[in-house]
Each structure stands twice: as structure tokens, then as C-alpha cells.
Amino acid sequence: MESSSKRRLTADELPHRIENFPLAQKLESRQNISNILTVLGIAIAVIGGLILIGGPSSIRVGWNGPTLWEMILLNPGPIFSIGVMLLVAGSQITPSVIQEVQTYVDEHFVLVNEPGVPAEEGVMTWQIVPGGHLDLVFVSLAELSEAEQQS
């Protein structure tokens, strides 16, 4: 059911910019955190995996107990697992904000053709522009099918 309070945009009016969109800054910061966790997770998983595959067959530990490096060599499995957990955590940070932005766009805008009937020749999507702005853009169905065929 279409709400009459939605702003009606035609393909000719797109791209439409929403200045200083509050969720844009939230999404950008979450993407930065996600990127950091992903890089850190990959590095730790690679170290743990390489030690697991090609690590030493024996390790001598002194009377004072193992050093940090000796602990890593003794336990490469948990190190690898920590790296994978960081990768998973990094991938779970941004989807909720992406859903919030999509919900905002769906609740406030609708793509119509000239007579005001919902458009069927394309879809309206969005992209975050640096500086905290949101751009609503038009993507034709021909472009969508072409992109699906290439992938």
C-alpha cells in the first residue's frame, strides 16, 4: 500500500541529493570499523594458518614458562580462530545500518513515471557520497539485467 506522504520522484529528477544525511556518517564510521576488523582478522588468520601448516615440529620452553611467541607457536589453532571471528565480526557491523538507510528511502520516496503511476522501467537505489550526503539514483531494468549477466 502506497503512502501519499512519500515524495514522488521521476527518473528525470534523479539523481536526487539529500544533504547532511545523518545515517551517512553512521554508515561511513561503521564501514571504517568493519575494514579495520577485516584487515586485522585476515592478518591474524594468515599468521595462525601458516603456523598451523608449516610451524615447528617441536618447541623448547624455558623454566620461566613460554614467551608470547612460544605460546603462539604452541597454539596456532586458537590464533587462526580469533582471526576468523574478527572477520565475521567485521562483516556483521554494516548490514544493520544499510537496512536502516534502505528503510528510510522506502518510507520517504517512491519512483513514479510522469502520470504519477509507480515506475516499472527501472528502480531507485541509493549511494552514500563523501561528506555525509545521500544520493538517490535511477537504475534502468536493462542495466540491472546486463549487470546480472556479467556476474
C-alpha atoms as a PDB file:
ATOM      1  CA  MET A   1       0.000   0.000   0.000  1.00  0.00           C
ATOM      2  CA  GLU A   2       1.498   3.294  -1.120  1.00  0.00           C
ATOM      3  CA  SER A   3       1.503   6.180   1.312  1.00  0.00           C
ATOM      4  CA  SER A   4       0.529   9.595  -0.015  1.00  0.00           C
ATOM      5  CA  SER A   5       3.155  11.206   2.240  1.00  0.00           C
ATOM      6  CA  LYS A   6       6.000   9.759   0.178  1.00  0.00           C
ATOM      7  CA  ARG A   7       7.876  12.149  -2.055  1.00  0.00           C
ATOM      8  CA  ARG A   8       7.297  11.196  -5.683  1.00  0.00           C
ATOM      9  CA  LEU A   9      10.382  11.312  -7.889  1.00  0.00           C
ATOM     10  CA  THR A  10      10.623  10.637 -11.602  1.00  0.00           C
ATOM     11  CA  ALA A  11      13.654   9.219 -13.409  1.00  0.00           C
ATOM     12  CA  ASP A  12      14.350  12.723 -14.757  1.00  0.00           C
ATOM     13  CA  GLU A  13      14.635  14.113 -11.203  1.00  0.00           C
ATOM     14  CA  LEU A  14      17.297  11.565 -10.262  1.00  0.00           C
ATOM     15  CA  PRO A  15      19.980  11.719  -9.019  1.00  0.00           C
ATOM     16  CA  HIS A  16      18.468  13.479  -6.035  1.00  0.00           C
ATOM     17  CA  ARG A  17      20.812  14.504  -3.223  1.00  0.00           C
ATOM     18  CA  ILE A  18      19.875  14.594   0.449  1.00  0.00           C
ATOM     19  CA  GLU A  19      22.351  16.913   2.164  1.00  0.00           C
ATOM     20  CA  ASN A  20      23.862  16.050   5.576  1.00  0.00           C
ATOM     21  CA  PHE A  21      22.082  12.714   5.866  1.00  0.00           C
ATOM     22  CA  PRO A  22      22.627  11.549   9.495  1.00  0.00           C
ATOM     23  CA  LEU A  23      22.824   7.846   8.663  1.00  0.00           C
ATOM     24  CA  ALA A  24      25.569   8.542   6.107  1.00  0.00           C
ATOM     25  CA  GLN A  25      28.059   9.413   8.830  1.00  0.00           C
ATOM     26  CA  LYS A  26      26.974   6.389  10.852  1.00  0.00           C
ATOM     27  CA  LEU A  27      27.446   4.112   7.824  1.00  0.00           C
ATOM     28  CA  GLU A  28      30.852   5.594   6.972  1.00  0.00           C
ATOM     29  CA  SER A  29      32.122   5.114  10.539  1.00  0.00           C
ATOM     30  CA  ARG A  30      30.795   1.547  10.678  1.00  0.00           C
ATOM     31  CA  GLN A  31      32.442   0.770   7.326  1.00  0.00           C
ATOM     32  CA  ASN A  32      35.763   2.079   8.679  1.00  0.00           C
ATOM     33  CA  ILE A  33      35.474  -0.140  11.766  1.00  0.00           C
ATOM     34  CA  SER A  34      34.482  -3.067   9.552  1.00  0.00           C
ATOM     35  CA  ASN A  35      37.512  -2.536   7.325  1.00  0.00           C
ATOM     36  CA  ILE A  36      39.862  -2.424  10.317  1.00  0.00           C
ATOM     37  CA  LEU A  37      38.416  -5.631  11.788  1.00  0.00           C
ATOM     38  CA  THR A  38      38.579  -7.353   8.401  1.00  0.00           C
ATOM     39  CA  VAL A  39      42.236  -6.458   7.799  1.00  0.00           C
ATOM     40  CA  LEU A  40      43.159  -7.410  11.362  1.00  0.00           C
ATOM     41  CA  GLY A  41      41.223 -10.679  11.077  1.00  0.00           C
ATOM     42  CA  ILE A  42      42.887 -11.597   7.790  1.00  0.00           C
ATOM     43  CA  ALA A  43      46.349 -10.883   9.214  1.00  0.00           C
ATOM     44  CA  ILE A  44      45.758 -12.926  12.377  1.00  0.00           C
ATOM     45  CA  ALA A  45      44.125 -15.804  10.467  1.00  0.00           C
ATOM     46  CA  VAL A  46      47.009 -15.920   7.977  1.00  0.00           C
ATOM     47  CA  ILE A  47      49.589 -15.988  10.803  1.00  0.00           C
ATOM     48  CA  GLY A  48      47.690 -18.726  12.627  1.00  0.00           C
ATOM     49  CA  GLY A  49      47.127 -20.697   9.424  1.00  0.00           C
ATOM     50  CA  LEU A  50      50.769 -20.510   8.342  1.00  0.00           C
ATOM     51  CA  ILE A  51      51.947 -21.625  11.766  1.00  0.00           C
ATOM     52  CA  LEU A  52      49.357 -24.415  11.771  1.00  0.00           C
ATOM     53  CA  ILE A  53      50.503 -25.655   8.356  1.00  0.00           C
ATOM     54  CA  GLY A  54      54.248 -25.073   8.493  1.00  0.00           C
ATOM     55  CA  GLY A  55      55.065 -24.485  12.127  1.00  0.00           C
ATOM     56  CA  PRO A  56      57.846 -26.217  14.019  1.00  0.00           C
ATOM     57  CA  SER A  57      57.510 -29.855  14.986  1.00  0.00           C
ATOM     58  CA  SER A  58      58.851 -29.215  18.490  1.00  0.00           C
ATOM     59  CA  ILE A  59      59.353 -26.243  20.783  1.00  0.00           C
ATOM     60  CA  ARG A  60      61.591 -25.864  23.820  1.00  0.00           C
ATOM     61  CA  VAL A  61      60.121 -23.834  26.625  1.00  0.00           C
ATOM     62  CA  GLY A  62      62.282 -22.329  29.378  1.00  0.00           C
ATOM     63  CA  TRP A  63      61.772 -22.750  33.133  1.00  0.00           C
ATOM     64  CA  ASN A  64      60.028 -19.384  33.330  1.00  0.00           C
ATOM     65  CA  GLY A  65      57.267 -20.588  31.009  1.00  0.00           C
ATOM     66  CA  PRO A  66      56.558 -19.829  27.387  1.00  0.00           C
ATOM     67  CA  THR A  67      57.041 -16.383  25.896  1.00  0.00           C
ATOM     68  CA  LEU A  68      54.289 -14.822  23.813  1.00  0.00           C
ATOM     69  CA  TRP A  69      55.854 -16.091  20.576  1.00  0.00           C
ATOM     70  CA  GLU A  70      56.208 -19.599  22.039  1.00  0.00           C
ATOM     71  CA  MET A  71      52.526 -19.507  23.090  1.00  0.00           C
ATOM     72  CA  ILE A  72      51.554 -18.579  19.532  1.00  0.00           C
ATOM     73  CA  LEU A  73      53.684 -21.440  18.185  1.00  0.00           C
ATOM     74  CA  LEU A  74      52.147 -23.859  20.698  1.00  0.00           C
ATOM     75  CA  ASN A  75      48.542 -22.807  19.961  1.00  0.00           C
ATOM     76  CA  PRO A  76      48.101 -21.840  16.283  1.00  0.00           C
ATOM     77  CA  GLY A  77      44.526 -23.171  16.106  1.00  0.00           C
ATOM     78  CA  PRO A  78      43.054 -20.630  18.534  1.00  0.00           C
ATOM     79  CA  ILE A  79      45.032 -17.851  16.834  1.00  0.00           C
ATOM     80  CA  PHE A  80      43.506 -18.850  13.486  1.00  0.00           C
ATOM     81  CA  SER A  81      40.040 -18.995  15.133  1.00  0.00           C
ATOM     82  CA  ILE A  82      40.430 -15.496  16.578  1.00  0.00           C
ATOM     83  CA  GLY A  83      41.280 -14.198  13.092  1.00  0.00           C
ATOM     84  CA  VAL A  84      38.175 -15.837  11.625  1.00  0.00           C
ATOM     85  CA  MET A  85      35.999 -14.435  14.427  1.00  0.00           C
ATOM     86  CA  LEU A  86      37.309 -10.931  13.707  1.00  0.00           C
ATOM     87  CA  LEU A  87      36.445 -11.429  10.021  1.00  0.00           C
ATOM     88  CA  VAL A  88      32.904 -12.489  10.919  1.00  0.00           C
ATOM     89  CA  ALA A  89      32.522  -9.580  13.356  1.00  0.00           C
ATOM     90  CA  GLY A  90      33.704  -7.154  10.665  1.00  0.00           C
ATOM     91  CA  SER A  91      31.138  -8.462   8.218  1.00  0.00           C
ATOM     92  CA  GLN A  92      28.252  -8.027  10.706  1.00  0.00           C
ATOM     93  CA  ILE A  93      28.776  -4.355  11.540  1.00  0.00           C
ATOM     94  CA  THR A  94      27.392  -2.558   8.473  1.00  0.00           C
ATOM     95  CA  PRO A  95      24.300  -4.560   7.347  1.00  0.00           C
ATOM     96  CA  SER A  96      22.048  -3.104  10.066  1.00  0.00           C
ATOM     97  CA  VAL A  97      22.873   0.477   9.041  1.00  0.00           C
ATOM     98  CA  ILE A  98      22.452  -0.388   5.353  1.00  0.00           C
ATOM     99  CA  GLN A  99      18.993  -1.729   6.229  1.00  0.00           C
ATOM    100  CA  GLU A 100      18.192   1.491   8.120  1.00  0.00           C
ATOM    101  CA  VAL A 101      19.108   3.596   5.077  1.00  0.00           C
ATOM    102  CA  GLN A 102      17.061   1.342   2.772  1.00  0.00           C
ATOM    103  CA  THR A 103      14.070   1.562   5.122  1.00  0.00           C
ATOM    104  CA  TYR A 104      14.353   5.369   5.195  1.00  0.00           C
ATOM    105  CA  VAL A 105      14.415   5.545   1.395  1.00  0.00           C
ATOM    106  CA  ASP A 106      11.490   3.107   1.074  1.00  0.00           C
ATOM    107  CA  GLU A 107       9.396   5.035   3.620  1.00  0.00           C
ATOM    108  CA  HIS A 108      10.035   8.523   2.223  1.00  0.00           C
ATOM    109  CA  PHE A 109      10.435   8.202  -1.569  1.00  0.00           C
ATOM    110  CA  VAL A 110       8.750   6.445  -4.447  1.00  0.00           C
ATOM    111  CA  LEU A 111       9.788   6.287  -8.109  1.00  0.00           C
ATOM    112  CA  VAL A 112       6.947   7.221 -10.466  1.00  0.00           C
ATOM    113  CA  ASN A 113       6.552   7.925 -14.160  1.00  0.00           C
ATOM    114  CA  GLU A 114       5.108  11.205 -15.485  1.00  0.00           C
ATOM    115  CA  PRO A 115       1.399  10.467 -14.786  1.00  0.00           C
ATOM    116  CA  GLY A 116       2.259   9.520 -11.193  1.00  0.00           C
ATOM    117  CA  VAL A 117       1.964   5.763 -11.605  1.00  0.00           C
ATOM    118  CA  PRO A 118       4.747   3.712  -9.967  1.00  0.00           C
ATOM    119  CA  ALA A 119       7.566   3.299 -12.487  1.00  0.00           C
ATOM    120  CA  GLU A 120       8.216  -0.138 -13.962  1.00  0.00           C
ATOM    121  CA  GLU A 121      11.103   0.727 -16.293  1.00  0.00           C
ATOM    122  CA  GLY A 122      13.658   0.935 -13.514  1.00  0.00           C
ATOM    123  CA  VAL A 123      14.337   1.151  -9.813  1.00  0.00           C
ATOM    124  CA  MET A 124      15.547   3.828  -7.451  1.00  0.00           C
ATOM    125  CA  THR A 125      18.610   2.970  -5.407  1.00  0.00           C
ATOM    126  CA  TRP A 126      20.934   4.971  -3.197  1.00  0.00           C
ATOM    127  CA  GLN A 127      24.589   5.617  -2.578  1.00  0.00           C
ATOM    128  CA  ILE A 128      26.454   7.448   0.153  1.00  0.00           C
ATOM    129  CA  VAL A 129      28.521  10.373  -1.110  1.00  0.00           C
ATOM    130  CA  PRO A 130      31.588  11.541   0.858  1.00  0.00           C
ATOM    131  CA  GLY A 131      30.721  14.478   3.074  1.00  0.00           C
ATOM    132  CA  GLY A 132      27.661  12.861   4.640  1.00  0.00           C
ATOM    133  CA  HIS A 133      25.259  13.081   1.702  1.00  0.00           C
ATOM    134  CA  LEU A 134      22.845  10.519   0.267  1.00  0.00           C
ATOM    135  CA  ASP A 135      22.201  10.333  -3.473  1.00  0.00           C
ATOM    136  CA  LEU A 136      19.107   8.643  -4.836  1.00  0.00           C
ATOM    137  CA  VAL A 137      19.868   7.326  -8.324  1.00  0.00           C
ATOM    138  CA  PHE A 138      17.888   5.672 -11.107  1.00  0.00           C
ATOM    139  CA  VAL A 139      18.914   2.276 -12.460  1.00  0.00           C
ATOM    140  CA  SER A 140      17.068   1.008 -15.523  1.00  0.00           C
ATOM    141  CA  LEU A 141      15.971  -2.606 -15.660  1.00  0.00           C
ATOM    142  CA  ALA A 142      18.142  -3.054 -18.768  1.00  0.00           C
ATOM    143  CA  GLU A 143      21.231  -2.052 -16.762  1.00  0.00           C
ATOM    144  CA  LEU A 144      20.226  -4.435 -13.956  1.00  0.00           C
ATOM    145  CA  SER A 145      19.809  -7.401 -16.294  1.00  0.00           C
ATOM    146  CA  GLU A 146      23.102  -6.547 -18.037  1.00  0.00           C
ATOM    147  CA  ALA A 147      24.919  -6.447 -14.688  1.00  0.00           C
ATOM    148  CA  GLU A 148      23.381  -9.790 -13.675  1.00  0.00           C
ATOM    149  CA  GLN A 149      24.526 -11.392 -16.936  1.00  0.00           C
ATOM    150  CA  GLN A 150      28.105 -10.178 -16.408  1.00  0.00           C
ATOM    151  CA  SER A 151      28.305 -11.648 -12.915  1.00  0.00           C
END
